[in-house]
N, C-alpha and C. Protein backbone atom coordinates (compact mmCIF):
# COMPACT_ATOMS: atom_id res chain seq x y z
N MET A 1 -10.82 29.84 -15.06
CA MET A 1 -11.78 30.87 -15.40
C MET A 1 -11.02 32.09 -15.90
N LEU A 2 -11.55 32.71 -16.91
CA LEU A 2 -10.93 33.87 -17.52
C LEU A 2 -11.77 35.10 -17.20
N MET A 3 -11.15 36.13 -16.62
CA MET A 3 -11.83 37.38 -16.32
C MET A 3 -11.45 38.37 -17.42
N THR A 4 -12.45 39.03 -18.00
CA THR A 4 -12.23 39.98 -19.08
C THR A 4 -12.66 41.36 -18.63
N VAL A 5 -11.76 42.33 -18.77
CA VAL A 5 -12.07 43.72 -18.48
C VAL A 5 -12.19 44.44 -19.81
N TYR A 6 -13.36 45.05 -20.04
CA TYR A 6 -13.62 45.76 -21.29
C TYR A 6 -13.87 47.23 -20.98
N CYS A 7 -13.17 48.10 -21.69
CA CYS A 7 -13.34 49.54 -21.55
C CYS A 7 -14.18 50.04 -22.72
N GLY A 8 -15.36 50.57 -22.43
CA GLY A 8 -16.22 51.10 -23.46
C GLY A 8 -15.75 52.44 -24.01
N GLY A 9 -14.86 53.12 -23.26
CA GLY A 9 -14.34 54.40 -23.72
C GLY A 9 -13.34 54.24 -24.85
N CYS A 10 -12.36 53.37 -24.67
CA CYS A 10 -11.33 53.19 -25.70
C CYS A 10 -11.45 51.83 -26.40
N ARG A 11 -12.43 51.03 -26.02
CA ARG A 11 -12.72 49.72 -26.61
C ARG A 11 -11.57 48.73 -26.48
N ARG A 12 -10.88 48.81 -25.35
CA ARG A 12 -9.79 47.88 -25.08
C ARG A 12 -10.32 46.70 -24.28
N ARG A 13 -9.86 45.52 -24.61
CA ARG A 13 -10.28 44.30 -23.93
C ARG A 13 -9.02 43.59 -23.42
N VAL A 14 -8.98 43.30 -22.11
CA VAL A 14 -7.83 42.64 -21.50
C VAL A 14 -8.32 41.42 -20.74
N HIS A 15 -7.62 40.30 -20.89
CA HIS A 15 -7.98 39.05 -20.24
C HIS A 15 -7.00 38.74 -19.12
N TYR A 16 -7.54 38.23 -17.99
CA TYR A 16 -6.74 37.81 -16.84
C TYR A 16 -7.24 36.45 -16.39
N TRP A 17 -6.34 35.61 -15.87
CA TRP A 17 -6.77 34.38 -15.21
C TRP A 17 -7.29 34.77 -13.84
N ALA A 18 -8.40 34.20 -13.44
CA ALA A 18 -9.00 34.51 -12.14
C ALA A 18 -8.06 34.15 -10.99
N SER A 19 -7.31 33.07 -11.12
CA SER A 19 -6.38 32.67 -10.07
C SER A 19 -5.26 33.70 -9.87
N ASP A 20 -4.85 34.37 -10.95
CA ASP A 20 -3.84 35.43 -10.83
C ASP A 20 -4.40 36.64 -10.10
N LEU A 21 -5.65 36.99 -10.40
CA LEU A 21 -6.27 38.15 -9.74
C LEU A 21 -6.46 37.90 -8.25
N VAL A 22 -6.73 36.65 -7.87
CA VAL A 22 -6.89 36.32 -6.45
C VAL A 22 -5.57 36.53 -5.72
N LYS A 23 -4.45 36.22 -6.36
CA LYS A 23 -3.14 36.41 -5.74
C LYS A 23 -2.79 37.89 -5.58
N VAL A 24 -3.21 38.72 -6.54
CA VAL A 24 -2.81 40.12 -6.57
C VAL A 24 -3.74 41.02 -5.76
N LEU A 25 -5.03 40.75 -5.82
CA LEU A 25 -6.03 41.62 -5.18
C LEU A 25 -6.36 41.15 -3.77
N ASP A 26 -7.07 42.03 -3.06
CA ASP A 26 -7.57 41.70 -1.74
C ASP A 26 -8.60 40.59 -1.87
N ARG A 27 -8.66 39.68 -0.90
CA ARG A 27 -9.57 38.55 -1.04
C ARG A 27 -11.04 38.94 -0.94
N PHE A 28 -11.34 40.15 -0.47
CA PHE A 28 -12.72 40.62 -0.38
C PHE A 28 -13.11 41.51 -1.56
N HIS A 29 -12.30 41.56 -2.60
CA HIS A 29 -12.61 42.38 -3.77
C HIS A 29 -13.78 41.77 -4.54
N GLU A 30 -14.75 42.59 -4.92
CA GLU A 30 -15.92 42.12 -5.65
C GLU A 30 -15.53 41.74 -7.09
N ALA A 31 -16.05 40.63 -7.59
CA ALA A 31 -15.68 40.13 -8.92
C ALA A 31 -16.20 41.00 -10.04
N HIS A 32 -17.30 41.71 -9.83
CA HIS A 32 -17.86 42.56 -10.90
C HIS A 32 -17.24 43.95 -10.92
N ASP A 33 -16.46 44.30 -9.91
CA ASP A 33 -15.83 45.61 -9.79
C ASP A 33 -14.43 45.56 -10.41
N PRO A 34 -14.15 46.37 -11.44
CA PRO A 34 -12.81 46.35 -12.04
C PRO A 34 -11.74 46.70 -11.00
N PRO A 35 -10.61 46.01 -11.00
CA PRO A 35 -9.60 46.20 -9.97
C PRO A 35 -8.82 47.51 -10.08
N TRP A 36 -8.69 48.07 -11.25
CA TRP A 36 -7.94 49.30 -11.46
C TRP A 36 -8.48 50.01 -12.69
N PRO A 37 -8.14 51.29 -12.87
CA PRO A 37 -8.63 52.01 -14.05
C PRO A 37 -7.98 51.52 -15.34
N CYS A 38 -8.58 51.88 -16.46
CA CYS A 38 -8.05 51.52 -17.77
C CYS A 38 -6.67 52.16 -17.94
N SER A 39 -5.70 51.39 -18.39
CA SER A 39 -4.35 51.92 -18.54
C SER A 39 -4.21 52.81 -19.76
N ARG A 40 -5.14 52.72 -20.68
CA ARG A 40 -5.06 53.55 -21.89
C ARG A 40 -5.75 54.90 -21.69
N CYS A 41 -7.00 54.89 -21.23
CA CYS A 41 -7.73 56.16 -21.10
C CYS A 41 -7.80 56.65 -19.65
N ARG A 42 -7.23 55.91 -18.70
CA ARG A 42 -7.13 56.31 -17.29
C ARG A 42 -8.48 56.56 -16.62
N SER A 43 -9.51 55.86 -17.03
CA SER A 43 -10.84 56.05 -16.48
C SER A 43 -11.41 54.73 -15.97
N ARG A 44 -12.23 54.78 -14.93
CA ARG A 44 -12.95 53.61 -14.44
C ARG A 44 -14.41 53.66 -14.87
N GLU A 45 -14.80 54.77 -15.44
CA GLU A 45 -16.21 55.03 -15.72
C GLU A 45 -16.82 54.04 -16.72
N TYR A 46 -16.07 53.62 -17.71
CA TYR A 46 -16.61 52.80 -18.79
C TYR A 46 -16.20 51.33 -18.70
N LEU A 47 -15.63 50.90 -17.58
CA LEU A 47 -15.13 49.53 -17.46
C LEU A 47 -16.25 48.56 -17.10
N ALA A 48 -16.21 47.41 -17.72
CA ALA A 48 -17.12 46.31 -17.41
C ALA A 48 -16.29 45.04 -17.28
N MET A 49 -16.63 44.23 -16.28
CA MET A 49 -15.88 43.02 -16.02
C MET A 49 -16.79 41.81 -16.19
N THR A 50 -16.35 40.85 -17.00
CA THR A 50 -17.11 39.63 -17.22
C THR A 50 -16.19 38.42 -17.05
N TRP A 51 -16.76 37.24 -16.97
CA TRP A 51 -15.96 36.02 -16.85
C TRP A 51 -16.53 34.95 -17.77
N HIS A 52 -15.67 34.03 -18.18
CA HIS A 52 -16.10 32.85 -18.91
C HIS A 52 -14.98 31.82 -18.88
N VAL A 53 -15.34 30.60 -19.21
CA VAL A 53 -14.36 29.53 -19.31
C VAL A 53 -14.02 29.39 -20.78
N PRO A 54 -12.75 29.62 -21.14
CA PRO A 54 -12.39 29.57 -22.57
C PRO A 54 -12.44 28.15 -23.13
N SER A 55 -12.83 28.06 -24.37
CA SER A 55 -12.87 26.75 -25.05
C SER A 55 -11.46 26.38 -25.51
N ALA A 56 -11.29 25.12 -25.87
CA ALA A 56 -9.99 24.65 -26.36
C ALA A 56 -9.60 25.36 -27.65
N ALA A 57 -10.58 25.62 -28.51
CA ALA A 57 -10.30 26.30 -29.78
C ALA A 57 -9.86 27.75 -29.52
N GLU A 58 -10.45 28.37 -28.53
CA GLU A 58 -10.07 29.75 -28.19
C GLU A 58 -8.64 29.80 -27.66
N LEU A 59 -8.27 28.83 -26.83
CA LEU A 59 -6.91 28.78 -26.30
C LEU A 59 -5.89 28.43 -27.39
N ALA A 60 -6.27 27.56 -28.31
CA ALA A 60 -5.37 27.16 -29.39
C ALA A 60 -5.16 28.28 -30.41
N SER A 61 -6.10 29.21 -30.49
CA SER A 61 -5.97 30.28 -31.48
C SER A 61 -5.00 31.38 -31.05
N GLY A 62 -4.44 31.26 -29.84
CA GLY A 62 -3.45 32.23 -29.40
C GLY A 62 -4.04 33.36 -28.59
N LEU A 63 -4.89 33.06 -27.65
CA LEU A 63 -5.50 34.05 -26.77
C LEU A 63 -4.42 34.71 -25.91
N THR A 64 -4.40 36.03 -25.84
CA THR A 64 -3.43 36.77 -25.03
C THR A 64 -4.02 37.04 -23.66
N VAL A 65 -3.30 36.60 -22.63
CA VAL A 65 -3.73 36.77 -21.25
C VAL A 65 -2.63 37.48 -20.48
N ARG A 66 -3.00 38.51 -19.73
CA ARG A 66 -2.01 39.22 -18.92
C ARG A 66 -1.75 38.44 -17.64
N ARG A 67 -0.46 38.26 -17.30
CA ARG A 67 -0.06 37.50 -16.12
C ARG A 67 0.87 38.35 -15.28
N PRO A 68 0.81 38.23 -13.96
CA PRO A 68 1.74 38.97 -13.11
C PRO A 68 3.14 38.36 -13.21
N VAL A 69 4.14 39.22 -13.25
CA VAL A 69 5.52 38.74 -13.36
C VAL A 69 6.22 38.83 -12.01
N LYS A 70 6.25 40.03 -11.44
CA LYS A 70 6.85 40.20 -10.12
C LYS A 70 6.34 41.50 -9.51
N LYS A 71 6.45 41.57 -8.21
CA LYS A 71 6.06 42.77 -7.48
C LYS A 71 7.32 43.58 -7.23
N ILE A 72 7.24 44.86 -7.51
CA ILE A 72 8.39 45.74 -7.35
C ILE A 72 8.14 46.67 -6.17
N GLU A 73 9.09 46.70 -5.25
CA GLU A 73 9.01 47.66 -4.15
C GLU A 73 9.84 48.87 -4.51
N LYS A 74 9.32 50.03 -4.25
CA LYS A 74 9.99 51.26 -4.66
C LYS A 74 10.19 52.14 -3.43
N TRP A 75 11.37 52.69 -3.30
CA TRP A 75 11.65 53.61 -2.21
C TRP A 75 11.09 54.98 -2.54
N ILE A 76 10.50 55.60 -1.57
CA ILE A 76 9.99 56.96 -1.70
C ILE A 76 10.81 57.85 -0.79
N TRP A 77 11.34 58.92 -1.35
CA TRP A 77 12.22 59.82 -0.61
C TRP A 77 11.53 61.13 -0.33
N ARG A 78 11.93 61.76 0.76
CA ARG A 78 11.45 63.10 1.06
C ARG A 78 12.60 63.90 1.65
N ASN A 79 12.53 65.20 1.48
CA ASN A 79 13.55 66.10 2.02
C ASN A 79 13.16 66.53 3.42
N GLU A 80 14.14 66.49 4.33
CA GLU A 80 13.93 66.93 5.71
C GLU A 80 15.04 67.89 6.09
N ARG A 81 14.70 68.77 6.98
CA ARG A 81 15.73 69.68 7.50
C ARG A 81 16.52 68.94 8.56
N ALA A 82 17.83 69.14 8.55
CA ALA A 82 18.72 68.45 9.49
C ALA A 82 18.63 69.02 10.89
């Protein structure tokens, strides 16, 4: 299943495999609720999430799907008085 996030503000459309989103998100996350704000316009206000099963012709035409690569842990530092 292919999950599509569409931003009506900047008209950006991004596709994700549903199985990848299950691995990344909390298991109780609602399917109609976008997981994060739009990376281009930084807004959640205009996002809509839909799903469909892609056809063979759609996959053969070179459909671009975002996939997770790796999770990065980052150290956060703070200054303290000795």
